[in-house]
Amino acid sequence: MRAFTTVELLRDLPSVTAAVARGPVTITRHRKPRYVLMAMEDYARLGGNADPRRAYETATLPDDLRAELATIAELDADGA
C-alpha cells in the first residue's frame, strides 16, 4: 500500500487521488500510519455502508437469537 504524509496530501492532492484510484493509500502523521484513504467502490465492497442492525418478526427469528432471548427471559424471571 502506498503511503503519503499529511503534508503531501495537502500539497499534492492530485497525486494522492491518482494513487487512490489504483488502490487504498495510507496517510501518515509524524511517521506513523494514521488513516487509510480509499475509493468509494473499495469502501462499498468492504460493506462500509451496510447497517449491521437487523429486525425480525417472531416467526422468522434465527435460532441463535431465539436462544439468547430465552436466556435473557430466564434471567429476568429469576431476578423478579
Protein backbone atom coordinates (compact mmCIF):
# COMPACT_ATOMS: atom_id res chain seq x y z
CA MET A 1 0.00 0.00 0.00
CA ARG A 2 1.37 3.36 -0.98
CA ALA A 3 1.87 5.93 1.80
CA PHE A 4 1.68 9.71 1.85
CA THR A 5 2.27 12.17 4.66
CA THR A 6 -0.42 14.62 5.68
CA VAL A 7 1.77 17.39 4.24
CA GLU A 8 1.94 15.57 0.87
CA LEU A 9 -1.83 15.16 0.96
CA LEU A 10 -2.30 18.91 1.41
CA ARG A 11 0.37 19.96 -1.11
CA ASP A 12 -0.20 17.41 -3.88
CA LEU A 13 -3.79 16.23 -3.78
CA PRO A 14 -3.85 15.22 -7.48
CA SER A 15 -1.02 12.71 -6.95
CA VAL A 16 -2.71 11.27 -3.88
CA THR A 17 -6.09 10.91 -5.58
CA ALA A 18 -4.41 9.28 -8.59
CA ALA A 19 -2.82 6.73 -6.24
CA VAL A 20 -6.19 6.15 -4.53
CA ALA A 21 -7.70 5.35 -7.93
CA ARG A 22 -5.26 2.41 -8.11
CA GLY A 23 -5.90 1.24 -4.55
CA PRO A 24 -6.11 2.32 -0.90
CA VAL A 25 -3.31 4.52 0.43
CA THR A 26 -2.01 5.13 3.92
CA ILE A 27 -1.83 8.67 5.27
CA THR A 28 0.90 9.11 7.85
CA ARG A 29 1.36 11.76 10.51
CA HIS A 30 4.60 12.07 12.48
CA ARG A 31 5.87 8.99 10.59
CA LYS A 32 3.05 6.79 11.91
CA PRO A 33 0.16 5.41 9.84
CA ARG A 34 -2.96 7.29 10.92
CA TYR A 35 -5.56 6.99 8.15
CA VAL A 36 -6.49 4.98 5.08
CA LEU A 37 -7.89 6.76 2.05
CA MET A 38 -9.77 4.67 -0.49
CA ALA A 39 -12.17 4.92 -3.40
CA MET A 40 -15.89 4.67 -2.62
CA GLU A 41 -16.07 1.45 -4.66
CA ASP A 42 -13.47 -0.17 -2.37
CA TYR A 43 -15.29 1.09 0.72
CA ALA A 44 -18.64 -0.23 -0.52
CA ARG A 45 -17.04 -3.60 -1.29
CA LEU A 46 -15.95 -3.79 2.36
CA GLY A 47 -19.55 -3.28 3.40
CA GLY A 48 -18.88 0.22 4.61
CA ASN A 49 -22.43 1.37 4.00
CA ALA A 50 -24.09 -1.69 5.50
CA ASP A 51 -26.12 -1.25 8.65
CA PRO A 52 -25.37 -4.27 10.89
CA ARG A 53 -28.72 -3.95 12.69
CA ARG A 54 -31.50 -6.29 11.64
CA ALA A 55 -35.18 -6.52 12.52
CA TYR A 56 -37.03 -9.83 12.66
CA GLU A 57 -40.59 -10.94 13.16
CA THR A 58 -41.09 -13.58 15.85
CA ALA A 59 -41.78 -16.24 13.22
CA THR A 60 -38.54 -15.52 11.32
CA LEU A 61 -36.22 -15.09 14.31
CA PRO A 62 -32.99 -17.11 13.83
CA ASP A 63 -32.45 -19.96 16.30
CA ASP A 64 -29.32 -18.42 17.87
CA LEU A 65 -31.16 -15.18 18.66
CA ARG A 66 -34.19 -17.10 19.91
CA ALA A 67 -31.92 -18.98 22.37
CA GLU A 68 -30.35 -15.72 23.58
CA LEU A 69 -33.77 -14.19 24.18
CA ALA A 70 -34.84 -17.27 26.12
CA THR A 71 -31.74 -16.95 28.30
CA ILE A 72 -32.46 -13.29 28.96
CA ALA A 73 -36.09 -14.10 29.81
CA GLU A 74 -34.92 -16.76 32.27
CA LEU A 75 -32.53 -14.33 33.94
CA ASP A 76 -35.29 -11.74 34.21
CA ALA A 77 -37.65 -14.33 35.72
CA ASP A 78 -35.02 -15.39 38.30
CA GLY A 79 -34.36 -11.79 39.31
CA ALA A 80 -38.03 -10.84 39.72
